[in-house]
């Protein structure tokens, strides 16, 4: 099951409050969730983001991928270790196994 960390909308009409939740990536936005790990209130000044650090780290270790918005919120609030859902860790030369040239014979 692919898990994602994303926002679920709550609050009154035209006054949204978001919950930061861990959910199956196939579930609807406000549907079933595995766990709530924080909240985000965009109407507060400064930005009202509360995250439970231990739960967040637990889910990131288990392979949950934050959405782009959640990754930006984590970055703005100073929480490290977040990778966006659309970015992969760059591969280095040491990660890639060398391949033999087609012109050279291997024995």
N, C-alpha and C. Protein backbone atom coordinates (compact mmCIF):
# COMPACT_ATOMS: atom_id res chain seq x y z
N UNK A 1 0.84 -1.16 0.00
CA UNK A 1 0.00 0.00 0.00
C UNK A 1 0.89 1.23 0.00
N UNK A 2 0.69 2.12 -0.94
CA UNK A 2 1.44 3.36 -1.02
C UNK A 2 0.78 4.40 -0.13
N UNK A 3 1.55 4.93 0.82
CA UNK A 3 0.99 5.93 1.74
C UNK A 3 1.53 7.30 1.38
N UNK A 4 0.70 8.30 1.65
CA UNK A 4 1.08 9.67 1.37
C UNK A 4 0.69 10.55 2.55
N UNK A 5 1.43 11.61 2.73
CA UNK A 5 1.13 12.60 3.76
C UNK A 5 0.57 13.80 3.02
N UNK A 6 -0.69 14.14 3.30
CA UNK A 6 -1.34 15.21 2.57
C UNK A 6 -2.33 15.95 3.45
N UNK A 7 -2.98 16.97 2.86
CA UNK A 7 -3.93 17.78 3.60
C UNK A 7 -5.35 17.26 3.42
N UNK A 8 -6.14 17.33 4.49
CA UNK A 8 -7.57 17.04 4.44
C UNK A 8 -8.28 18.31 4.89
N UNK A 9 -9.23 18.80 4.08
CA UNK A 9 -9.87 20.09 4.34
C UNK A 9 -10.99 19.94 5.37
N UNK A 10 -11.01 20.86 6.34
CA UNK A 10 -12.06 20.95 7.34
C UNK A 10 -12.32 22.42 7.58
N UNK A 11 -13.25 22.74 8.44
CA UNK A 11 -13.55 24.13 8.75
C UNK A 11 -14.79 24.60 8.02
N UNK A 12 -15.13 25.86 8.22
CA UNK A 12 -16.34 26.44 7.64
C UNK A 12 -16.11 26.85 6.19
N UNK A 13 -17.22 27.17 5.53
CA UNK A 13 -17.14 27.62 4.14
C UNK A 13 -16.34 28.92 4.08
N UNK A 14 -15.40 28.99 3.17
CA UNK A 14 -14.49 30.12 2.94
C UNK A 14 -13.55 30.39 4.11
N UNK A 15 -13.47 29.49 5.08
CA UNK A 15 -12.53 29.59 6.19
C UNK A 15 -11.94 28.20 6.45
N UNK A 16 -11.11 27.73 5.54
CA UNK A 16 -10.62 26.35 5.67
C UNK A 16 -9.58 26.20 6.78
N UNK A 17 -9.59 25.05 7.37
CA UNK A 17 -8.55 24.58 8.29
C UNK A 17 -8.21 23.19 7.80
N UNK A 18 -6.93 22.90 7.68
CA UNK A 18 -6.51 21.63 7.13
C UNK A 18 -5.90 20.75 8.20
N UNK A 19 -6.14 19.46 8.09
CA UNK A 19 -5.46 18.48 8.92
C UNK A 19 -4.39 17.83 8.06
N UNK A 20 -3.23 17.63 8.62
CA UNK A 20 -2.16 16.93 7.91
C UNK A 20 -2.29 15.47 8.31
N UNK A 21 -2.59 14.63 7.32
CA UNK A 21 -2.92 13.23 7.59
C UNK A 21 -2.06 12.30 6.76
N UNK A 22 -1.93 11.08 7.25
CA UNK A 22 -1.28 9.99 6.52
C UNK A 22 -2.41 9.11 6.02
N UNK A 23 -2.42 8.84 4.72
CA UNK A 23 -3.51 8.09 4.12
C UNK A 23 -3.00 7.23 2.98
N UNK A 24 -3.83 6.27 2.59
CA UNK A 24 -3.55 5.49 1.39
C UNK A 24 -3.67 6.44 0.21
N UNK A 25 -2.77 6.36 -0.73
CA UNK A 25 -2.76 7.30 -1.85
C UNK A 25 -4.01 7.19 -2.72
N UNK A 26 -4.74 6.07 -2.63
CA UNK A 26 -5.95 5.90 -3.45
C UNK A 26 -7.20 6.45 -2.78
N UNK A 27 -7.12 6.83 -1.50
CA UNK A 27 -8.28 7.32 -0.76
C UNK A 27 -8.63 8.75 -1.19
N UNK A 28 -9.91 9.14 -1.10
CA UNK A 28 -10.28 10.51 -1.44
C UNK A 28 -9.71 11.52 -0.45
N UNK A 29 -9.71 12.79 -0.83
CA UNK A 29 -9.06 13.84 -0.03
C UNK A 29 -9.54 13.85 1.42
N UNK A 30 -10.84 13.81 1.64
CA UNK A 30 -11.38 13.87 3.00
C UNK A 30 -11.85 12.50 3.47
N UNK A 31 -11.38 11.44 2.84
CA UNK A 31 -11.82 10.09 3.17
C UNK A 31 -11.03 9.48 4.31
N UNK A 32 -11.01 8.16 4.30
CA UNK A 32 -10.37 7.40 5.37
C UNK A 32 -8.90 7.76 5.49
N UNK A 33 -8.43 7.89 6.73
CA UNK A 33 -7.03 8.21 6.98
C UNK A 33 -6.45 7.21 7.96
N UNK A 34 -5.15 7.04 7.88
CA UNK A 34 -4.46 6.13 8.79
C UNK A 34 -4.15 6.83 10.11
N UNK A 35 -3.72 8.10 10.03
CA UNK A 35 -3.38 8.83 11.25
C UNK A 35 -3.31 10.32 10.94
N UNK A 36 -3.72 11.13 11.90
CA UNK A 36 -3.57 12.58 11.80
C UNK A 36 -2.28 12.95 12.50
N UNK A 37 -1.41 13.71 11.81
CA UNK A 37 -0.12 14.05 12.40
C UNK A 37 0.08 15.55 12.60
N UNK A 38 -0.92 16.37 12.23
CA UNK A 38 -0.76 17.80 12.44
C UNK A 38 -1.92 18.58 11.88
N UNK A 39 -1.82 19.92 11.98
CA UNK A 39 -2.84 20.83 11.45
C UNK A 39 -2.16 22.00 10.75
N UNK A 40 -2.94 22.66 9.87
CA UNK A 40 -2.46 23.85 9.15
C UNK A 40 -3.62 24.81 9.04
N UNK A 41 -3.43 26.02 9.55
CA UNK A 41 -4.45 27.07 9.47
C UNK A 41 -3.87 28.22 8.66
N UNK A 42 -4.29 28.35 7.37
CA UNK A 42 -3.70 29.39 6.52
C UNK A 42 -4.14 30.80 6.88
N UNK A 43 -5.19 30.96 7.70
CA UNK A 43 -5.67 32.30 8.02
C UNK A 43 -4.89 32.95 9.16
N UNK A 44 -4.06 32.20 9.87
CA UNK A 44 -3.27 32.77 10.96
C UNK A 44 -2.05 33.50 10.44
N UNK A 45 -1.63 34.54 11.16
CA UNK A 45 -0.39 35.23 10.87
C UNK A 45 0.48 35.15 12.10
N UNK A 46 1.64 34.63 12.13
CA UNK A 46 2.29 33.88 11.06
C UNK A 46 1.61 32.53 10.85
N UNK A 47 2.02 31.90 9.78
CA UNK A 47 1.42 30.65 9.33
C UNK A 47 1.26 29.66 10.49
N UNK A 48 0.06 29.11 10.63
CA UNK A 48 -0.23 28.21 11.75
C UNK A 48 -0.06 26.75 11.36
N UNK A 49 1.17 26.24 11.46
CA UNK A 49 1.44 24.83 11.16
C UNK A 49 1.88 24.15 12.45
N UNK A 50 1.19 23.06 12.81
CA UNK A 50 1.59 22.25 13.96
C UNK A 50 1.76 20.82 13.47
N UNK A 51 2.92 20.25 13.71
CA UNK A 51 3.22 18.87 13.31
C UNK A 51 3.75 18.11 14.51
N UNK A 52 3.34 16.87 14.64
CA UNK A 52 3.90 16.00 15.67
C UNK A 52 5.13 15.34 15.07
N UNK A 53 6.29 15.82 15.50
CA UNK A 53 7.57 15.44 14.91
C UNK A 53 7.81 13.93 14.94
N UNK A 54 7.50 13.27 16.06
CA UNK A 54 7.76 11.84 16.19
C UNK A 54 6.93 11.03 15.20
N UNK A 55 5.65 11.39 15.08
CA UNK A 55 4.78 10.67 14.15
C UNK A 55 5.21 10.90 12.71
N UNK A 56 5.60 12.14 12.40
CA UNK A 56 6.05 12.46 11.06
C UNK A 56 7.28 11.64 10.69
N UNK A 57 8.27 11.60 11.58
CA UNK A 57 9.48 10.83 11.31
C UNK A 57 9.18 9.34 11.18
N UNK A 58 8.26 8.85 12.01
CA UNK A 58 7.86 7.45 11.94
C UNK A 58 7.32 7.11 10.55
N UNK A 59 6.41 7.94 10.03
CA UNK A 59 5.81 7.65 8.74
C UNK A 59 6.79 7.86 7.59
N UNK A 60 7.68 8.83 7.71
CA UNK A 60 8.69 9.02 6.66
C UNK A 60 9.63 7.82 6.60
N UNK A 61 10.00 7.25 7.77
CA UNK A 61 10.83 6.05 7.79
C UNK A 61 10.11 4.86 7.17
N UNK A 62 8.80 4.81 7.31
CA UNK A 62 8.03 3.70 6.76
C UNK A 62 7.74 3.87 5.28
N UNK A 63 8.16 4.97 4.67
CA UNK A 63 8.03 5.15 3.23
C UNK A 63 6.91 6.06 2.79
N UNK A 64 6.23 6.73 3.70
CA UNK A 64 5.17 7.67 3.31
C UNK A 64 5.81 8.86 2.62
N UNK A 65 5.17 9.33 1.55
CA UNK A 65 5.72 10.43 0.77
C UNK A 65 4.83 11.66 0.93
N UNK A 66 5.39 12.79 1.34
CA UNK A 66 4.58 14.00 1.49
C UNK A 66 4.18 14.57 0.13
N UNK A 67 2.98 15.15 0.09
CA UNK A 67 2.55 15.84 -1.13
C UNK A 67 3.41 17.10 -1.29
N UNK A 68 3.32 17.74 -2.43
CA UNK A 68 4.11 18.94 -2.67
C UNK A 68 3.77 20.02 -1.64
N UNK A 69 2.49 20.20 -1.35
CA UNK A 69 2.08 21.23 -0.40
C UNK A 69 2.60 20.93 1.00
N UNK A 70 2.48 19.70 1.44
CA UNK A 70 2.97 19.32 2.77
C UNK A 70 4.49 19.46 2.83
N UNK A 71 5.18 19.10 1.77
CA UNK A 71 6.64 19.25 1.75
C UNK A 71 7.03 20.72 1.87
N UNK A 72 6.29 21.62 1.21
CA UNK A 72 6.56 23.05 1.31
C UNK A 72 6.28 23.56 2.72
N UNK A 73 5.19 23.09 3.33
CA UNK A 73 4.88 23.49 4.70
C UNK A 73 5.96 23.02 5.66
N UNK A 74 6.45 21.81 5.47
CA UNK A 74 7.51 21.28 6.32
C UNK A 74 8.78 22.10 6.16
N UNK A 75 9.09 22.47 4.94
CA UNK A 75 10.29 23.25 4.68
C UNK A 75 10.18 24.64 5.31
N UNK A 76 9.02 25.28 5.16
CA UNK A 76 8.82 26.61 5.73
C UNK A 76 8.86 26.61 7.25
N UNK A 77 8.37 25.54 7.85
CA UNK A 77 8.35 25.48 9.31
C UNK A 77 9.67 24.97 9.88
N UNK A 78 10.64 24.66 9.01
CA UNK A 78 11.97 24.29 9.46
C UNK A 78 12.17 22.82 9.73
N UNK A 79 11.26 21.97 9.31
CA UNK A 79 11.39 20.53 9.50
C UNK A 79 12.15 19.96 8.33
N UNK A 80 13.22 19.23 8.63
CA UNK A 80 14.06 18.68 7.57
C UNK A 80 13.68 17.24 7.28
N UNK A 81 14.26 16.69 6.25
CA UNK A 81 14.03 15.29 5.91
C UNK A 81 12.84 15.08 5.00
N UNK A 82 12.30 16.15 4.45
CA UNK A 82 11.12 16.02 3.59
C UNK A 82 11.53 15.97 2.13
N UNK A 83 11.01 15.00 1.43
CA UNK A 83 11.16 14.94 -0.01
C UNK A 83 9.78 15.08 -0.61
N UNK A 84 9.68 15.86 -1.66
CA UNK A 84 8.38 16.01 -2.29
C UNK A 84 7.99 14.74 -3.03
N UNK A 85 6.71 14.62 -3.33
CA UNK A 85 6.20 13.40 -3.95
C UNK A 85 6.73 13.23 -5.38
N UNK A 86 7.13 14.33 -6.01
CA UNK A 86 7.56 14.24 -7.40
C UNK A 86 9.07 14.23 -7.57
N UNK A 87 9.82 14.25 -6.48
CA UNK A 87 11.28 14.26 -6.63
C UNK A 87 11.86 12.99 -6.04
N UNK A 88 12.77 12.42 -6.74
CA UNK A 88 13.49 11.24 -6.27
C UNK A 88 14.86 11.68 -5.80
N UNK A 89 15.45 10.92 -4.95
CA UNK A 89 16.81 11.21 -4.51
C UNK A 89 17.74 11.06 -5.71
N UNK A 90 18.59 12.05 -5.96
CA UNK A 90 19.46 11.96 -7.13
C UNK A 90 20.45 10.82 -6.98
N UNK A 91 20.68 10.13 -8.08
CA UNK A 91 21.64 9.04 -8.08
C UNK A 91 23.03 9.60 -8.31
N UNK A 92 23.98 9.05 -7.59
CA UNK A 92 25.36 9.44 -7.78
C UNK A 92 26.07 8.37 -8.59
N UNK A 93 27.28 8.66 -8.98
CA UNK A 93 28.03 7.70 -9.78
C UNK A 93 28.30 6.42 -9.00
N UNK A 94 28.43 6.52 -7.69
CA UNK A 94 28.70 5.32 -6.90
C UNK A 94 27.45 4.43 -6.76
N UNK A 95 26.24 5.02 -6.94
CA UNK A 95 25.01 4.24 -6.84
C UNK A 95 24.76 3.39 -8.08
N UNK A 96 25.31 3.81 -9.20
CA UNK A 96 25.07 3.12 -10.47
C UNK A 96 26.23 2.15 -10.72
N UNK A 97 25.91 0.91 -11.00
CA UNK A 97 26.94 -0.09 -11.28
C UNK A 97 27.56 0.19 -12.65
N UNK A 98 28.86 0.08 -12.77
CA UNK A 98 29.49 0.33 -14.07
C UNK A 98 29.09 -0.76 -15.07
N UNK A 99 28.87 -0.33 -16.28
CA UNK A 99 28.51 -1.26 -17.35
C UNK A 99 29.69 -1.40 -18.29
N UNK A 100 29.93 -2.60 -18.79
CA UNK A 100 31.04 -2.78 -19.74
C UNK A 100 30.72 -2.12 -21.06
N UNK A 101 31.75 -1.56 -21.70
CA UNK A 101 31.57 -0.95 -23.02
C UNK A 101 31.25 -2.04 -24.02
N UNK A 102 30.46 -1.69 -25.02
CA UNK A 102 30.07 -2.68 -26.02
C UNK A 102 31.24 -3.11 -26.88
N UNK A 103 32.28 -2.28 -27.00
CA UNK A 103 33.44 -2.61 -27.82
C UNK A 103 34.43 -3.54 -27.12
N UNK A 104 34.37 -3.63 -25.81
CA UNK A 104 35.33 -4.44 -25.08
C UNK A 104 34.73 -5.84 -24.82
N UNK A 105 35.59 -6.82 -24.91
CA UNK A 105 35.15 -8.19 -24.63
C UNK A 105 35.41 -8.50 -23.16
N UNK A 106 34.44 -9.16 -22.55
CA UNK A 106 34.60 -9.57 -21.13
C UNK A 106 34.72 -11.06 -21.08
N UNK A 107 35.56 -11.54 -20.20
CA UNK A 107 35.73 -12.99 -20.05
C UNK A 107 35.37 -13.47 -18.69
